[in-house]
Amino acid sequence: MSELALGRARNASDAQRLILAARDGGCIGCELTSEHTQAHHIDYYEYGGLTEVPNLASMCWDCHTDLHLHDRKIHAPPDGRPRLAPPQTNGPAPPSRNPSPDLARAPARSP
């Protein structure tokens, strides 16, 4: 069970990433495949968020960047799949569904 509840570990474990791939089915923002996602802390790690499956969501690099740059929120129902909330303002177009060239070369890692 310790592989699924890492507490204050910075990065998700391989077991957690497998569960996220099954639960989220890919990026929660654009649905890019799980191979191109990383584990994002819904309650930010920097503010005490735990590295546990209910507090993690699969996000591609572009959607993860968009979330932080535009202060977007994640809707995380207790018994369901997290979803990236729509932007609050008229900002730039949503990120591309294609992985960035750097992401395609680098292994996915937790934020």
PDB file of N, CA and C in Angstrom:
ATOM      1  N   MET A   1       0.815  -1.194   0.000  1.00  0.00           N
ATOM      2  CA  MET A   1       0.000   0.000   0.000  1.00  0.00           C
ATOM      3  C   MET A   1       0.857   1.256   0.000  1.00  0.00           C
ATOM      4  N   SER A   2       2.090   1.164   0.495  1.00  0.00           N
ATOM      5  CA  SER A   2       2.940   2.353   0.562  1.00  0.00           C
ATOM      6  C   SER A   2       3.248   2.919  -0.819  1.00  0.00           C
ATOM      7  N   GLU A   3       3.174   2.100  -1.870  1.00  0.00           N
ATOM      8  CA  GLU A   3       3.410   2.608  -3.215  1.00  0.00           C
ATOM      9  C   GLU A   3       2.276   3.513  -3.694  1.00  0.00           C
ATOM     10  N   LEU A   4       1.112   3.434  -3.060  1.00  0.00           N
ATOM     11  CA  LEU A   4      -0.031   4.229  -3.490  1.00  0.00           C
ATOM     12  C   LEU A   4      -0.230   5.479  -2.646  1.00  0.00           C
ATOM     13  N   ALA A   5       0.275   5.505  -1.442  1.00  0.00           N
ATOM     14  CA  ALA A   5       0.138   6.660  -0.552  1.00  0.00           C
ATOM     15  C   ALA A   5       1.530   7.116  -0.140  1.00  0.00           C
ATOM     16  N   LEU A   6       2.119   8.001  -0.925  1.00  0.00           N
ATOM     17  CA  LEU A   6       3.497   8.423  -0.687  1.00  0.00           C
ATOM     18  C   LEU A   6       3.608   9.617   0.249  1.00  0.00           C
ATOM     19  N   GLY A   7       2.487  10.189   0.660  1.00  0.00           N
ATOM     20  CA  GLY A   7       2.532  11.333   1.574  1.00  0.00           C
ATOM     21  C   GLY A   7       3.197  12.539   0.945  1.00  0.00           C
ATOM     22  N   ARG A   8       4.349  12.942   1.458  1.00  0.00           N
ATOM     23  CA  ARG A   8       5.008  14.154   0.988  1.00  0.00           C
ATOM     24  C   ARG A   8       6.117  13.891  -0.031  1.00  0.00           C
ATOM     25  N   ALA A   9       6.112  12.759  -0.700  1.00  0.00           N
ATOM     26  CA  ALA A   9       7.062  12.524  -1.782  1.00  0.00           C
ATOM     27  C   ALA A   9       6.724  13.467  -2.931  1.00  0.00           C
ATOM     28  N   ARG A  10       7.729  13.989  -3.603  1.00  0.00           N
ATOM     29  CA  ARG A  10       7.509  14.971  -4.662  1.00  0.00           C
ATOM     30  C   ARG A  10       6.924  14.359  -5.932  1.00  0.00           C
ATOM     31  N   ASN A  11       7.366  13.168  -6.290  1.00  0.00           N
ATOM     32  CA  ASN A  11       6.958  12.559  -7.554  1.00  0.00           C
ATOM     33  C   ASN A  11       6.086  11.329  -7.331  1.00  0.00           C
ATOM     34  N   ALA A  12       5.162  11.130  -8.241  1.00  0.00           N
ATOM     35  CA  ALA A  12       4.293   9.948  -8.190  1.00  0.00           C
ATOM     36  C   ALA A  12       5.117   8.701  -8.480  1.00  0.00           C
ATOM     37  N   SER A  13       4.725   7.596  -7.869  1.00  0.00           N
ATOM     38  CA  SER A  13       5.392   6.316  -8.110  1.00  0.00           C
ATOM     39  C   SER A  13       4.893   5.720  -9.430  1.00  0.00           C
ATOM     40  N   ASP A  14       5.580   4.683  -9.889  1.00  0.00           N
ATOM     41  CA  ASP A  14       5.136   3.984 -11.096  1.00  0.00           C
ATOM     42  C   ASP A  14       3.738   3.394 -10.885  1.00  0.00           C
ATOM     43  N   ALA A  15       3.483   2.843  -9.690  1.00  0.00           N
ATOM     44  CA  ALA A  15       2.163   2.268  -9.407  1.00  0.00           C
ATOM     45  C   ALA A  15       1.080   3.347  -9.473  1.00  0.00           C
ATOM     46  N   GLN A  16       1.358   4.519  -8.927  1.00  0.00           N
ATOM     47  CA  GLN A  16       0.384   5.615  -8.979  1.00  0.00           C
ATOM     48  C   GLN A  16       0.138   6.046 -10.420  1.00  0.00           C
ATOM     49  N   ARG A  17       1.184   6.134 -11.222  1.00  0.00           N
ATOM     50  CA  ARG A  17       1.017   6.543 -12.622  1.00  0.00           C
ATOM     51  C   ARG A  17       0.170   5.530 -13.396  1.00  0.00           C
ATOM     52  N   LEU A  18       0.309   4.242 -13.079  1.00  0.00           N
ATOM     53  CA  LEU A  18      -0.531   3.220 -13.726  1.00  0.00           C
ATOM     54  C   LEU A  18      -1.996   3.401 -13.353  1.00  0.00           C
ATOM     55  N   ILE A  19      -2.256   3.675 -12.085  1.00  0.00           N
ATOM     56  CA  ILE A  19      -3.642   3.905 -11.642  1.00  0.00           C
ATOM     57  C   ILE A  19      -4.205   5.161 -12.306  1.00  0.00           C
ATOM     58  N   LEU A  20      -3.406   6.224 -12.390  1.00  0.00           N
ATOM     59  CA  LEU A  20      -3.865   7.454 -13.047  1.00  0.00           C
ATOM     60  C   LEU A  20      -4.177   7.206 -14.519  1.00  0.00           C
ATOM     61  N   ALA A  21      -3.343   6.414 -15.185  1.00  0.00           N
ATOM     62  CA  ALA A  21      -3.581   6.105 -16.600  1.00  0.00           C
ATOM     63  C   ALA A  21      -4.921   5.400 -16.772  1.00  0.00           C
ATOM     64  N   ALA A  22      -5.221   4.459 -15.868  1.00  0.00           N
ATOM     65  CA  ALA A  22      -6.499   3.739 -15.953  1.00  0.00           C
ATOM     66  C   ALA A  22      -7.668   4.640 -15.591  1.00  0.00           C
ATOM     67  N   ARG A  23      -7.524   5.431 -14.534  1.00  0.00           N
ATOM     68  CA  ARG A  23      -8.632   6.277 -14.067  1.00  0.00           C
ATOM     69  C   ARG A  23      -8.887   7.444 -15.021  1.00  0.00           C
ATOM     70  N   ASP A  24      -7.829   8.168 -15.390  1.00  0.00           N
ATOM     71  CA  ASP A  24      -7.998   9.393 -16.175  1.00  0.00           C
ATOM     72  C   ASP A  24      -8.058   9.133 -17.677  1.00  0.00           C
ATOM     73  N   GLY A  25      -7.475   8.042 -18.134  1.00  0.00           N
ATOM     74  CA  GLY A  25      -7.513   7.716 -19.557  1.00  0.00           C
ATOM     75  C   GLY A  25      -6.686   8.640 -20.416  1.00  0.00           C
ATOM     76  N   GLY A  26      -5.771   9.396 -19.833  1.00  0.00           N
ATOM     77  CA  GLY A  26      -4.951  10.363 -20.558  1.00  0.00           C
ATOM     78  C   GLY A  26      -5.066  11.727 -19.908  1.00  0.00           C
ATOM     79  N   CYS A  27      -4.670  12.750 -20.620  1.00  0.00           N
ATOM     80  CA  CYS A  27      -4.699  14.114 -20.083  1.00  0.00           C
ATOM     81  C   CYS A  27      -6.142  14.529 -19.767  1.00  0.00           C
ATOM     82  N   ILE A  28      -6.342  15.100 -18.580  1.00  0.00           N
ATOM     83  CA  ILE A  28      -7.689  15.531 -18.189  1.00  0.00           C
ATOM     84  C   ILE A  28      -8.118  16.810 -18.895  1.00  0.00           C
ATOM     85  N   GLY A  29      -7.185  17.461 -19.597  1.00  0.00           N
ATOM     86  CA  GLY A  29      -7.523  18.688 -20.313  1.00  0.00           C
ATOM     87  C   GLY A  29      -7.840  18.448 -21.776  1.00  0.00           C
ATOM     88  N   CYS A  30      -7.000  17.655 -22.432  1.00  0.00           N
ATOM     89  CA  CYS A  30      -7.170  17.473 -23.881  1.00  0.00           C
ATOM     90  C   CYS A  30      -7.281  16.017 -24.297  1.00  0.00           C
ATOM     91  N   GLU A  31      -7.176  15.093 -23.345  1.00  0.00           N
ATOM     92  CA  GLU A  31      -7.298  13.662 -23.591  1.00  0.00           C
ATOM     93  C   GLU A  31      -6.155  13.072 -24.407  1.00  0.00           C
ATOM     94  N   LEU A  32      -4.994  13.739 -24.412  1.00  0.00           N
ATOM     95  CA  LEU A  32      -3.793  13.160 -25.007  1.00  0.00           C
ATOM     96  C   LEU A  32      -3.496  11.867 -24.255  1.00  0.00           C
ATOM     97  N   THR A  33      -2.932  10.884 -24.913  1.00  0.00           N
ATOM     98  CA  THR A  33      -2.715   9.575 -24.292  1.00  0.00           C
ATOM     99  C   THR A  33      -1.826   9.654 -23.054  1.00  0.00           C
ATOM    100  N   SER A  34      -1.991   8.681 -22.189  1.00  0.00           N
ATOM    101  CA  SER A  34      -1.268   8.629 -20.912  1.00  0.00           C
ATOM    102  C   SER A  34       0.246   8.621 -21.080  1.00  0.00           C
ATOM    103  N   GLU A  35       0.749   8.109 -22.193  1.00  0.00           N
ATOM    104  CA  GLU A  35       2.188   8.067 -22.412  1.00  0.00           C
ATOM    105  C   GLU A  35       2.798   9.465 -22.435  1.00  0.00           C
ATOM    106  N   HIS A  36       1.980  10.473 -22.663  1.00  0.00           N
ATOM    107  CA  HIS A  36       2.471  11.853 -22.773  1.00  0.00           C
ATOM    108  C   HIS A  36       1.997  12.722 -21.616  1.00  0.00           C
ATOM    109  N   THR A  37       1.695  12.094 -20.467  1.00  0.00           N
ATOM    110  CA  THR A  37       1.217  12.871 -19.328  1.00  0.00           C
ATOM    111  C   THR A  37       2.167  12.765 -18.144  1.00  0.00           C
ATOM    112  N   GLN A  38       1.945  13.642 -17.194  1.00  0.00           N
ATOM    113  CA  GLN A  38       2.663  13.623 -15.929  1.00  0.00           C
ATOM    114  C   GLN A  38       1.626  13.744 -14.825  1.00  0.00           C
ATOM    115  N   ALA A  39       2.006  13.385 -13.610  1.00  0.00           N
ATOM    116  CA  ALA A  39       1.080  13.465 -12.475  1.00  0.00           C
ATOM    117  C   ALA A  39       1.139  14.871 -11.888  1.00  0.00           C
ATOM    118  N   HIS A  40      -0.004  15.547 -11.869  1.00  0.00           N
ATOM    119  CA  HIS A  40      -0.113  16.895 -11.305  1.00  0.00           C
ATOM    120  C   HIS A  40      -0.809  16.808  -9.954  1.00  0.00           C
ATOM    121  N   HIS A  41      -0.286  17.539  -8.963  1.00  0.00           N
ATOM    122  CA  HIS A  41      -0.929  17.610  -7.645  1.00  0.00           C
ATOM    123  C   HIS A  41      -2.113  18.582  -7.726  1.00  0.00           C
ATOM    124  N   ILE A  42      -3.316  18.123  -7.453  1.00  0.00           N
ATOM    125  CA  ILE A  42      -4.506  18.978  -7.484  1.00  0.00           C
ATOM    126  C   ILE A  42      -4.405  20.028  -6.380  1.00  0.00           C
ATOM    127  N   ASP A  43      -4.178  19.579  -5.141  1.00  0.00           N
ATOM    128  CA  ASP A  43      -3.806  20.507  -4.065  1.00  0.00           C
ATOM    129  C   ASP A  43      -2.293  20.568  -4.137  1.00  0.00           C
ATOM    130  N   TYR A  44      -1.774  21.720  -4.535  1.00  0.00           N
ATOM    131  CA  TYR A  44      -0.359  21.843  -4.879  1.00  0.00           C
ATOM    132  C   TYR A  44       0.579  21.304  -3.807  1.00  0.00           C
ATOM    133  N   TYR A  45       1.579  20.576  -4.246  1.00  0.00           N
ATOM    134  CA  TYR A  45       2.608  20.023  -3.368  1.00  0.00           C
ATOM    135  C   TYR A  45       3.242  21.122  -2.510  1.00  0.00           C
ATOM    136  N   GLU A  46       3.515  22.271  -3.117  1.00  0.00           N
ATOM    137  CA  GLU A  46       4.161  23.387  -2.418  1.00  0.00           C
ATOM    138  C   GLU A  46       3.343  23.876  -1.227  1.00  0.00           C
ATOM    139  N   TYR A  47       2.033  23.635  -1.249  1.00  0.00           N
ATOM    140  CA  TYR A  47       1.150  24.091  -0.174  1.00  0.00           C
ATOM    141  C   TYR A  47       0.665  22.935   0.690  1.00  0.00           C
ATOM    142  N   GLY A  48       1.404  21.835   0.677  1.00  0.00           N
ATOM    143  CA  GLY A  48       1.082  20.707   1.544  1.00  0.00           C
ATOM    144  C   GLY A  48       0.300  19.582   0.898  1.00  0.00           C
ATOM    145  N   GLY A  49       0.024  19.660  -0.403  1.00  0.00           N
ATOM    146  CA  GLY A  49      -0.719  18.598  -1.085  1.00  0.00           C
ATOM    147  C   GLY A  49       0.038  17.284  -1.053  1.00  0.00           C
ATOM    148  N   LEU A  50      -0.696  16.213  -0.810  1.00  0.00           N
ATOM    149  CA  LEU A  50      -0.085  14.899  -0.687  1.00  0.00           C
ATOM    150  C   LEU A  50       0.046  14.212  -2.039  1.00  0.00           C
ATOM    151  N   THR A  51       1.038  13.334  -2.139  1.00  0.00           N
ATOM    152  CA  THR A  51       1.247  12.554  -3.349  1.00  0.00           C
ATOM    153  C   THR A  51       0.481  11.247  -3.191  1.00  0.00           C
ATOM    154  N   GLU A  52      -0.831  11.364  -3.323  1.00  0.00           N
ATOM    155  CA  GLU A  52      -1.748  10.235  -3.219  1.00  0.00           C
ATOM    156  C   GLU A  52      -2.723  10.313  -4.381  1.00  0.00           C
ATOM    157  N   VAL A  53      -3.165   9.179  -4.876  1.00  0.00           N
ATOM    158  CA  VAL A  53      -3.984   9.113  -6.088  1.00  0.00           C
ATOM    159  C   VAL A  53      -5.165  10.086  -6.087  1.00  0.00           C
ATOM    160  N   PRO A  54      -5.948  10.221  -5.005  1.00  0.00           N
ATOM    161  CA  PRO A  54      -7.071  11.171  -5.058  1.00  0.00           C
ATOM    162  C   PRO A  54      -6.640  12.624  -5.262  1.00  0.00           C
ATOM    163  N   ASN A  55      -5.373  12.942  -4.985  1.00  0.00           N
ATOM    164  CA  ASN A  55      -4.875  14.308  -5.150  1.00  0.00           C
ATOM    165  C   ASN A  55      -4.017  14.462  -6.398  1.00  0.00           C
ATOM    166  N   LEU A  56      -4.048  13.502  -7.296  1.00  0.00           N
ATOM    167  CA  LEU A  56      -3.249  13.560  -8.517  1.00  0.00           C
ATOM    168  C   LEU A  56      -4.153  13.511  -9.744  1.00  0.00           C
ATOM    169  N   ALA A  57      -3.694  14.136 -10.819  1.00  0.00           N
ATOM    170  CA  ALA A  57      -4.418  14.103 -12.092  1.00  0.00           C
ATOM    171  C   ALA A  57      -3.399  14.023 -13.222  1.00  0.00           C
ATOM    172  N   SER A  58      -3.721  13.268 -14.259  1.00  0.00           N
ATOM    173  CA  SER A  58      -2.856  13.140 -15.427  1.00  0.00           C
ATOM    174  C   SER A  58      -3.000  14.360 -16.320  1.00  0.00           C
ATOM    175  N   MET A  59      -1.872  14.995 -16.627  1.00  0.00           N
ATOM    176  CA  MET A  59      -1.900  16.170 -17.501  1.00  0.00           C
ATOM    177  C   MET A  59      -0.712  16.151 -18.444  1.00  0.00           C
ATOM    178  N   CYS A  60      -0.952  16.543 -19.700  1.00  0.00           N
ATOM    179  CA  CYS A  60       0.147  16.702 -20.646  1.00  0.00           C
ATOM    180  C   CYS A  60       0.877  18.003 -20.314  1.00  0.00           C
ATOM    181  N   TRP A  61       2.043  18.166 -20.885  1.00  0.00           N
ATOM    182  CA  TRP A  61       2.866  19.337 -20.609  1.00  0.00           C
ATOM    183  C   TRP A  61       2.122  20.630 -20.956  1.00  0.00           C
ATOM    184  N   ASP A  62       1.454  20.672 -22.113  1.00  0.00           N
ATOM    185  CA  ASP A  62       0.771  21.896 -22.542  1.00  0.00           C
ATOM    186  C   ASP A  62      -0.390  22.267 -21.616  1.00  0.00           C
ATOM    187  N   CYS A  63      -1.219  21.298 -21.245  1.00  0.00           N
ATOM    188  CA  CYS A  63      -2.346  21.595 -20.350  1.00  0.00           C
ATOM    189  C   CYS A  63      -1.860  21.939 -18.947  1.00  0.00           C
ATOM    190  N   HIS A  64      -0.794  21.271 -18.495  1.00  0.00           N
ATOM    191  CA  HIS A  64      -0.229  21.568 -17.176  1.00  0.00           C
ATOM    192  C   HIS A  64       0.298  23.004 -17.139  1.00  0.00           C
ATOM    193  N   THR A  65       0.987  23.413 -18.192  1.00  0.00           N
ATOM    194  CA  THR A  65       1.487  24.787 -18.283  1.00  0.00           C
ATOM    195  C   THR A  65       0.323  25.768 -18.325  1.00  0.00           C
ATOM    196  N   ASP A  66      -0.697  25.464 -19.128  1.00  0.00           N
ATOM    197  CA  ASP A  66      -1.877  26.327 -19.231  1.00  0.00           C
ATOM    198  C   ASP A  66      -2.564  26.487 -17.878  1.00  0.00           C
ATOM    199  N   LEU A  67      -2.677  25.398 -17.125  1.00  0.00           N
ATOM    200  CA  LEU A  67      -3.302  25.436 -15.806  1.00  0.00           C
ATOM    201  C   LEU A  67      -2.587  26.445 -14.904  1.00  0.00           C
ATOM    202  N   HIS A  68      -1.255  26.394 -14.875  1.00  0.00           N
ATOM    203  CA  HIS A  68      -0.494  27.292 -14.003  1.00  0.00           C
ATOM    204  C   HIS A  68      -0.471  28.729 -14.517  1.00  0.00           C
ATOM    205  N   LEU A  69      -0.329  28.904 -15.818  1.00  0.00           N
ATOM    206  CA  LEU A  69      -0.256  30.264 -16.379  1.00  0.00           C
ATOM    207  C   LEU A  69      -1.569  31.018 -16.275  1.00  0.00           C
ATOM    208  N   HIS A  70      -2.681  30.304 -16.360  1.00  0.00           N
ATOM    209  CA  HIS A  70      -3.992  30.957 -16.381  1.00  0.00           C
ATOM    210  C   HIS A  70      -4.824  30.659 -15.139  1.00  0.00           C
ATOM    211  N   ASP A  71      -4.180  30.140 -14.100  1.00  0.00           N
ATOM    212  CA  ASP A  71      -4.839  29.875 -12.818  1.00  0.00           C
ATOM    213  C   ASP A  71      -6.135  29.089 -13.004  1.00  0.00           C
ATOM    214  N   ARG A  72      -6.067  28.059 -13.836  1.00  0.00           N
ATOM    215  CA  ARG A  72      -7.237  27.207 -14.045  1.00  0.00           C
ATOM    216  C   ARG A  72      -7.396  26.253 -12.884  1.00  0.00           C
ATOM    217  N   LYS A  73      -8.559  25.719 -12.705  1.00  0.00           N
ATOM    218  CA  LYS A  73      -8.876  24.838 -11.591  1.00  0.00           C
ATOM    219  C   LYS A  73      -9.193  23.433 -12.103  1.00  0.00           C
ATOM    220  N   ILE A  74      -9.077  22.479 -11.219  1.00  0.00           N
ATOM    221  CA  ILE A  74      -9.437  21.101 -11.520  1.00  0.00           C
ATOM    222  C   ILE A  74     -10.648  20.737 -10.671  1.00  0.00           C
ATOM    223  N   HIS A  75     -11.677  20.223 -11.333  1.00  0.00           N
ATOM    224  CA  HIS A  75     -12.853  19.720 -10.628  1.00  0.00           C
ATOM    225  C   HIS A  75     -12.566  18.245 -10.346  1.00  0.00           C
ATOM    226  N   ALA A  76     -12.525  17.886  -9.068  1.00  0.00           N
ATOM    227  CA  ALA A  76     -12.204  16.515  -8.675  1.00  0.00           C
ATOM    228  C   ALA A  76     -13.338  15.924  -7.849  1.00  0.00           C
ATOM    229  N   PRO A  77     -14.322  15.310  -8.503  1.00  0.00           N
ATOM    230  CA  PRO A  77     -15.396  14.682  -7.742  1.00  0.00           C
ATOM    231  C   PRO A  77     -14.833  13.533  -6.904  1.00  0.00           C
ATOM    232  N   PRO A  78     -15.384  13.286  -5.712  1.00  0.00           N
ATOM    233  CA  PRO A  78     -14.825  12.268  -4.819  1.00  0.00           C
ATOM    234  C   PRO A  78     -14.755  10.863  -5.421  1.00  0.00           C
ATOM    235  N   ASP A  79     -15.705  10.499  -6.247  1.00  0.00           N
ATOM    236  CA  ASP A  79     -15.708   9.145  -6.807  1.00  0.00           C
ATOM    237  C   ASP A  79     -15.605   9.132  -8.327  1.00  0.00           C
ATOM    238  N   GLY A  80     -14.963  10.143  -8.900  1.00  0.00           N
ATOM    239  CA  GLY A  80     -14.909  10.200 -10.352  1.00  0.00           C
ATOM    240  C   GLY A  80     -13.573  10.676 -10.887  1.00  0.00           C
ATOM    241  N   ARG A  81     -13.562  10.876 -12.174  1.00  0.00           N
ATOM    242  CA  ARG A  81     -12.368  11.291 -12.904  1.00  0.00           C
ATOM    243  C   ARG A  81     -12.234  12.810 -12.847  1.00  0.00           C
ATOM    244  N   PRO A  82     -11.056  13.341 -12.457  1.00  0.00           N
ATOM    245  CA  PRO A  82     -10.871  14.794 -12.429  1.00  0.00           C
ATOM    246  C   PRO A  82     -10.996  15.398 -13.827  1.00  0.00           C
ATOM    247  N   ARG A  83     -11.434  16.642 -13.880  1.00  0.00           N
ATOM    248  CA  ARG A  83     -11.575  17.364 -15.147  1.00  0.00           C
ATOM    249  C   ARG A  83     -11.012  18.763 -14.990  1.00  0.00           C
ATOM    250  N   LEU A  84     -10.339  19.242 -16.017  1.00  0.00           N
ATOM    251  CA  LEU A  84      -9.832  20.607 -16.038  1.00  0.00           C
ATOM    252  C   LEU A  84     -11.001  21.541 -16.313  1.00  0.00           C
ATOM    253  N   ALA A  85     -11.219  22.484 -15.411  1.00  0.00           N
ATOM    254  CA  ALA A  85     -12.325  23.431 -15.569  1.00  0.00           C
ATOM    255  C   ALA A  85     -12.045  24.348 -16.760  1.00  0.00           C
ATOM    256  N   PRO A  86     -13.092  24.822 -17.433  1.00  0.00           N
ATOM    257  CA  PRO A  86     -12.897  25.752 -18.548  1.00  0.00           C
ATOM    258  C   PRO A  86     -12.225  27.032 -18.064  1.00  0.00           C
ATOM    259  N   PRO A  87     -11.529  27.721 -18.961  1.00  0.00           N
ATOM    260  CA  PRO A  87     -10.895  28.988 -18.573  1.00  0.00           C
ATOM    261  C   PRO A  87     -11.945  29.992 -18.097  1.00  0.00           C
ATOM    262  N   GLN A  88     -11.566  30.824 -17.148  1.00  0.00           N
ATOM    263  CA  GLN A  88     -12.463  31.843 -16.611  1.00  0.00           C
ATOM    264  C   GLN A  88     -12.585  33.048 -17.537  1.00  0.00           C
ATOM    265  N   THR A  89     -11.566  33.333 -18.317  1.00  0.00           N
ATOM    266  CA  THR A  89     -11.554  34.515 -19.183  1.00  0.00           C
ATOM    267  C   THR A  89     -11.295  34.113 -20.623  1.00  0.00           C
ATOM    268  N   ASN A  90     -11.431  35.071 -21.515  1.00  0.00           N
ATOM    269  CA  ASN A  90     -11.121  34.837 -22.918  1.00  0.00           C
ATOM    270  C   ASN A  90      -9.611  34.906 -23.092  1.00  0.00           C
ATOM    271  N   GLY A  91      -8.975  33.770 -22.993  1.00  0.00           N
ATOM    272  CA  GLY A  91      -7.523  33.700 -23.129  1.00  0.00           C
ATOM    273  C   GLY A  91      -7.159  33.093 -24.467  1.00  0.00           C
ATOM    274  N   PRO A  92      -5.915  32.662 -24.584  1.00  0.00           N
ATOM    275  CA  PRO A  92      -5.465  32.034 -25.829  1.00  0.00           C
ATOM    276  C   PRO A  92      -6.185  30.703 -26.056  1.00  0.00           C
ATOM    277  N   ALA A  93      -6.066  30.187 -27.251  1.00  0.00           N
ATOM    278  CA  ALA A  93      -6.698  28.919 -27.613  1.00  0.00           C
ATOM    279  C   ALA A  93      -6.161  27.800 -26.728  1.00  0.00           C
ATOM    280  N   PRO A  94      -6.949  26.740 -26.537  1.00  0.00           N
ATOM    281  CA  PRO A  94      -6.466  25.609 -25.732  1.00  0.00           C
ATOM    282  C   PRO A  94      -5.211  25.011 -26.356  1.00  0.00           C
ATOM    283  N   PRO A  95      -4.407  24.333 -25.565  1.00  0.00           N
ATOM    284  CA  PRO A  95      -3.175  23.757 -26.094  1.00  0.00           C
ATOM    285  C   PRO A  95      -3.461  22.692 -27.135  1.00  0.00           C
ATOM    286  N   SER A  96      -2.468  22.459 -27.965  1.00  0.00           N
ATOM    287  CA  SER A  96      -2.565  21.464 -29.016  1.00  0.00           C
ATOM    288  C   SER A  96      -2.688  20.069 -28.410  1.00  0.00           C
ATOM    289  N   ARG A  97      -3.330  19.164 -29.139  1.00  0.00           N
ATOM    290  CA  ARG A  97      -3.428  17.778 -28.681  1.00  0.00           C
ATOM    291  C   ARG A  97      -2.152  17.014 -28.990  1.00  0.00           C
ATOM    292  N   ASN A  98      -1.239  17.614 -29.748  1.00  0.00           N
ATOM    293  CA  ASN A  98       0.008  16.951 -30.081  1.00  0.00           C
ATOM    294  C   ASN A  98       1.023  17.215 -28.975  1.00  0.00           C
ATOM    295  N   PRO A  99       1.798  16.200 -28.585  1.00  0.00           N
ATOM    296  CA  PRO A  99       2.797  16.434 -27.542  1.00  0.00           C
ATOM    297  C   PRO A  99       3.876  17.383 -28.035  1.00  0.00           C
ATOM    298  N   SER A 100       4.419  18.175 -27.127  1.00  0.00           N
ATOM    299  CA  SER A 100       5.507  19.055 -27.501  1.00  0.00           C
ATOM    300  C   SER A 100       6.708  18.193 -27.858  1.00  0.00           C
ATOM    301  N   PRO A 101       7.612  18.687 -28.716  1.00  0.00           N
ATOM    302  CA  PRO A 101       8.776  17.883 -29.116  1.00  0.00           C
ATOM    303  C   PRO A 101       9.616  17.457 -27.913  1.00  0.00           C
ATOM    304  N   ASP A 102       9.789  18.328 -26.921  1.00  0.00           N
ATOM    305  CA  ASP A 102      10.587  17.977 -25.755  1.00  0.00           C
ATOM    306  C   ASP A 102       9.932  16.860 -24.963  1.00  0.00           C
ATOM    307  N   LEU A 103       8.615  16.879 -24.842  1.00  0.00           N
ATOM    308  CA  LEU A 103       7.900  15.867 -24.080  1.00  0.00           C
ATOM    309  C   LEU A 103       8.003  14.511 -24.755  1.00  0.00           C
ATOM    310  N   ALA A 104       7.971  14.509 -26.076  1.00  0.00           N
ATOM    311  CA  ALA A 104       8.038  13.241 -26.804  1.00  0.00           C
ATOM    312  C   ALA A 104       9.379  12.538 -26.564  1.00  0.00           C
ATOM    313  N   ARG A 105      10.451  13.318 -26.335  1.00  0.00           N
ATOM    314  CA  ARG A 105      11.776  12.733 -26.120  1.00  0.00           C
ATOM    315  C   ARG A 105      12.009  12.365 -24.655  1.00  0.00           C
ATOM    316  N   ALA A 106      11.413  13.114 -23.731  1.00  0.00           N
ATOM    317  CA  ALA A 106      11.676  12.895 -22.306  1.00  0.00           C
ATOM    318  C   ALA A 106      10.618  11.993 -21.690  1.00  0.00           C
ATOM    319  N   PRO A 107      11.029  11.163 -20.726  1.00  0.00           N
ATOM    320  CA  PRO A 107      10.020  10.346 -20.037  1.00  0.00           C
ATOM    321  C   PRO A 107       9.111  11.232 -19.204  1.00  0.00           C
ATOM    322  N   ALA A 108       7.848  10.840 -19.079  1.00  0.00           N
ATOM    323  CA  ALA A 108       6.897  11.603 -18.271  1.00  0.00           C
ATOM    324  C   ALA A 108       7.319  11.536 -16.812  1.00  0.00           C
ATOM    325  N   ARG A 109       7.252  12.675 -16.130  1.00  0.00           N
ATOM    326  CA  ARG A 109       7.610  12.734 -14.714  1.00  0.00           C
ATOM    327  C   ARG A 109       6.558  13.546 -13.991  1.00  0.00           C
ATOM    328  N   SER A 110       6.469  13.349 -12.736  1.00  0.00           N
ATOM    329  CA  SER A 110       5.546  14.127 -11.918  1.00  0.00           C
ATOM    330  C   SER A 110       6.045  15.548 -11.799  1.00  0.00           C
ATOM    331  N   PRO A 111       5.100  16.518 -11.571  1.00  0.00           N
ATOM    332  CA  PRO A 111       5.509  17.910 -11.436  1.00  0.00           C
ATOM    333  C   PRO A 111       6.344  18.109 -10.202  1.00  0.00           C
TER     334      PRO A 111
END
